[in-house]
Amino acid sequence: MDNSQERKYKVKWNIKRNESEVAENSLRLLKISEVSKILGISKRTVYNYVKEGKLPCVKLSNRALRFKETDLMKLISERTITYEPSEKTDFIAKRVLEKILKRG
């Protein structure tokens, strides 16, 4: 096998491996204790999220719930906020900085 064929094979293998990793992660089921640790909330709050429809789950039995890792990541990304300072906070920061610089 020459170098170009070898490189093509490696690229194809990497693509397939990445696809299988994605599929594997989407099938990974988490216990409620794992979800509560990841989110930093109580188990009761996780149950409330399920009841309110905020977090989908897989019901294995009457007592066993599992959560897809992809659903958990979706919840996290939906609730991620970015802070953009307003003109007022910029003005206040500027005044504070000016006072500090005047004091020397």
C-alpha atoms as a PDB file:
ATOM      1  CA  MET A   1       0.000   0.000   0.000  1.00  0.00           C
ATOM      2  CA  ASP A   2       1.453   3.363  -0.992  1.00  0.00           C
ATOM      3  CA  ASN A   3       1.341   6.477   1.204  1.00  0.00           C
ATOM      4  CA  SER A   4      -1.746   8.029  -0.421  1.00  0.00           C
ATOM      5  CA  GLN A   5      -3.774   4.846   0.038  1.00  0.00           C
ATOM      6  CA  GLU A   6      -2.542   4.535   3.595  1.00  0.00           C
ATOM      7  CA  ARG A   7      -3.597   8.139   4.367  1.00  0.00           C
ATOM      8  CA  LYS A   8      -7.050   7.573   2.829  1.00  0.00           C
ATOM      9  CA  TYR A   9      -7.497   4.496   4.970  1.00  0.00           C
ATOM     10  CA  LYS A  10      -6.499   6.390   8.123  1.00  0.00           C
ATOM     11  CA  VAL A  11      -8.878   9.245   7.323  1.00  0.00           C
ATOM     12  CA  LYS A  12     -11.769   6.853   6.666  1.00  0.00           C
ATOM     13  CA  TRP A  13     -11.013   4.953   9.859  1.00  0.00           C
ATOM     14  CA  ASN A  14     -10.911   8.193  11.889  1.00  0.00           C
ATOM     15  CA  ILE A  15     -14.239   9.328  10.432  1.00  0.00           C
ATOM     16  CA  LYS A  16     -15.859   5.986  11.200  1.00  0.00           C
ATOM     17  CA  ARG A  17     -14.378   5.982  14.690  1.00  0.00           C
ATOM     18  CA  ASN A  18     -15.696   9.504  15.365  1.00  0.00           C
ATOM     19  CA  GLU A  19     -19.150   8.519  14.098  1.00  0.00           C
ATOM     20  CA  SER A  20     -19.177   5.484  16.372  1.00  0.00           C
ATOM     21  CA  GLU A  21     -18.069   7.612  19.338  1.00  0.00           C
ATOM     22  CA  VAL A  22     -20.948  10.002  18.686  1.00  0.00           C
ATOM     23  CA  ALA A  23     -23.371   7.089  18.421  1.00  0.00           C
ATOM     24  CA  GLU A  24     -21.927   5.559  21.579  1.00  0.00           C
ATOM     25  CA  ASN A  25     -22.343   8.825  23.508  1.00  0.00           C
ATOM     26  CA  SER A  26     -25.923   9.247  22.322  1.00  0.00           C
ATOM     27  CA  LEU A  27     -26.704   5.771  23.628  1.00  0.00           C
ATOM     28  CA  ARG A  28     -24.942   6.276  26.951  1.00  0.00           C
ATOM     29  CA  LEU A  29     -27.541   6.259  29.705  1.00  0.00           C
ATOM     30  CA  LEU A  30     -26.902   8.055  32.971  1.00  0.00           C
ATOM     31  CA  LYS A  31     -28.346   7.320  36.390  1.00  0.00           C
ATOM     32  CA  ILE A  32     -30.212  10.004  38.274  1.00  0.00           C
ATOM     33  CA  SER A  33     -27.316  10.345  40.731  1.00  0.00           C
ATOM     34  CA  GLU A  34     -24.926  11.018  37.838  1.00  0.00           C
ATOM     35  CA  VAL A  35     -27.277  13.618  36.353  1.00  0.00           C
ATOM     36  CA  SER A  36     -27.646  15.401  39.690  1.00  0.00           C
ATOM     37  CA  LYS A  37     -23.855  15.503  40.121  1.00  0.00           C
ATOM     38  CA  ILE A  38     -23.258  16.801  36.587  1.00  0.00           C
ATOM     39  CA  LEU A  39     -25.889  19.535  36.926  1.00  0.00           C
ATOM     40  CA  GLY A  40     -25.082  20.299  40.562  1.00  0.00           C
ATOM     41  CA  ILE A  41     -28.701  19.897  41.639  1.00  0.00           C
ATOM     42  CA  SER A  42     -30.547  17.516  43.952  1.00  0.00           C
ATOM     43  CA  LYS A  43     -32.139  14.271  42.804  1.00  0.00           C
ATOM     44  CA  ARG A  44     -35.529  15.783  43.690  1.00  0.00           C
ATOM     45  CA  THR A  45     -34.877  18.658  41.263  1.00  0.00           C
ATOM     46  CA  VAL A  46     -33.991  16.148  38.528  1.00  0.00           C
ATOM     47  CA  TYR A  47     -37.330  14.395  39.168  1.00  0.00           C
ATOM     48  CA  ASN A  48     -39.064  17.791  38.968  1.00  0.00           C
ATOM     49  CA  TYR A  49     -37.348  18.507  35.629  1.00  0.00           C
ATOM     50  CA  VAL A  50     -38.695  15.183  34.338  1.00  0.00           C
ATOM     51  CA  LYS A  51     -42.208  15.957  35.620  1.00  0.00           C
ATOM     52  CA  GLU A  52     -42.132  19.439  34.043  1.00  0.00           C
ATOM     53  CA  GLY A  53     -40.896  18.050  30.708  1.00  0.00           C
ATOM     54  CA  LYS A  54     -37.586  19.916  30.890  1.00  0.00           C
ATOM     55  CA  LEU A  55     -35.499  16.728  30.826  1.00  0.00           C
ATOM     56  CA  PRO A  56     -36.562  13.633  28.867  1.00  0.00           C
ATOM     57  CA  CYS A  57     -35.800  10.236  30.348  1.00  0.00           C
ATOM     58  CA  VAL A  58     -35.943   6.541  29.570  1.00  0.00           C
ATOM     59  CA  LYS A  59     -38.148   4.588  31.957  1.00  0.00           C
ATOM     60  CA  LEU A  60     -36.634   1.137  32.405  1.00  0.00           C
ATOM     61  CA  SER A  61     -39.089   0.122  35.131  1.00  0.00           C
ATOM     62  CA  ASN A  62     -41.350   1.761  37.709  1.00  0.00           C
ATOM     63  CA  ARG A  63     -38.300   2.602  39.805  1.00  0.00           C
ATOM     64  CA  ALA A  64     -35.507   2.991  37.268  1.00  0.00           C
ATOM     65  CA  LEU A  65     -35.061   6.105  35.149  1.00  0.00           C
ATOM     66  CA  ARG A  66     -32.112   6.713  32.864  1.00  0.00           C
ATOM     67  CA  PHE A  67     -31.089   9.799  30.954  1.00  0.00           C
ATOM     68  CA  LYS A  68     -29.432  10.044  27.550  1.00  0.00           C
ATOM     69  CA  GLU A  69     -26.188  11.962  27.729  1.00  0.00           C
ATOM     70  CA  THR A  70     -27.178  13.885  24.589  1.00  0.00           C
ATOM     71  CA  ASP A  71     -30.431  15.064  26.232  1.00  0.00           C
ATOM     72  CA  LEU A  72     -28.449  16.273  29.221  1.00  0.00           C
ATOM     73  CA  MET A  73     -26.001  18.168  26.989  1.00  0.00           C
ATOM     74  CA  LYS A  74     -28.957  19.697  25.129  1.00  0.00           C
ATOM     75  CA  LEU A  75     -30.455  20.926  28.414  1.00  0.00           C
ATOM     76  CA  ILE A  76     -27.129  22.445  29.420  1.00  0.00           C
ATOM     77  CA  SER A  77     -26.654  24.188  26.072  1.00  0.00           C
ATOM     78  CA  GLU A  78     -30.227  25.547  26.105  1.00  0.00           C
ATOM     79  CA  ARG A  79     -29.723  27.051  29.550  1.00  0.00           C
ATOM     80  CA  THR A  80     -26.280  28.507  28.920  1.00  0.00           C
ATOM     81  CA  ILE A  81     -26.329  32.284  28.996  1.00  0.00           C
ATOM     82  CA  THR A  82     -23.677  34.773  28.068  1.00  0.00           C
ATOM     83  CA  TYR A  83     -23.251  38.032  29.882  1.00  0.00           C
ATOM     84  CA  GLU A  84     -23.163  41.166  27.810  1.00  0.00           C
ATOM     85  CA  PRO A  85     -22.579  44.274  29.890  1.00  0.00           C
ATOM     86  CA  SER A  86     -24.958  47.149  29.332  1.00  0.00           C
ATOM     87  CA  GLU A  87     -23.939  50.731  28.669  1.00  0.00           C
ATOM     88  CA  LYS A  88     -24.676  51.526  32.319  1.00  0.00           C
ATOM     89  CA  THR A  89     -22.236  48.910  33.636  1.00  0.00           C
ATOM     90  CA  ASP A  90     -19.622  50.097  31.140  1.00  0.00           C
ATOM     91  CA  PHE A  91     -20.118  53.666  32.390  1.00  0.00           C
ATOM     92  CA  ILE A  92     -19.818  52.601  36.053  1.00  0.00           C
ATOM     93  CA  ALA A  93     -16.695  50.551  35.334  1.00  0.00           C
ATOM     94  CA  LYS A  94     -15.172  53.500  33.509  1.00  0.00           C
ATOM     95  CA  ARG A  95     -15.873  55.855  36.455  1.00  0.00           C
ATOM     96  CA  VAL A  96     -14.385  53.413  38.965  1.00  0.00           C
ATOM     97  CA  LEU A  97     -11.291  52.994  36.810  1.00  0.00           C
ATOM     98  CA  GLU A  98     -10.897  56.782  36.479  1.00  0.00           C
ATOM     99  CA  LYS A  99     -11.098  57.192  40.285  1.00  0.00           C
ATOM    100  CA  ILE A 100      -8.481  54.502  40.806  1.00  0.00           C
ATOM    101  CA  LEU A 101      -6.156  56.109  38.275  1.00  0.00           C
ATOM    102  CA  LYS A 102      -6.599  59.573  39.871  1.00  0.00           C
ATOM    103  CA  ARG A 103      -5.557  58.198  43.264  1.00  0.00           C
ATOM    104  CA  GLY A 104      -2.370  56.973  41.661  1.00  0.00           C
END
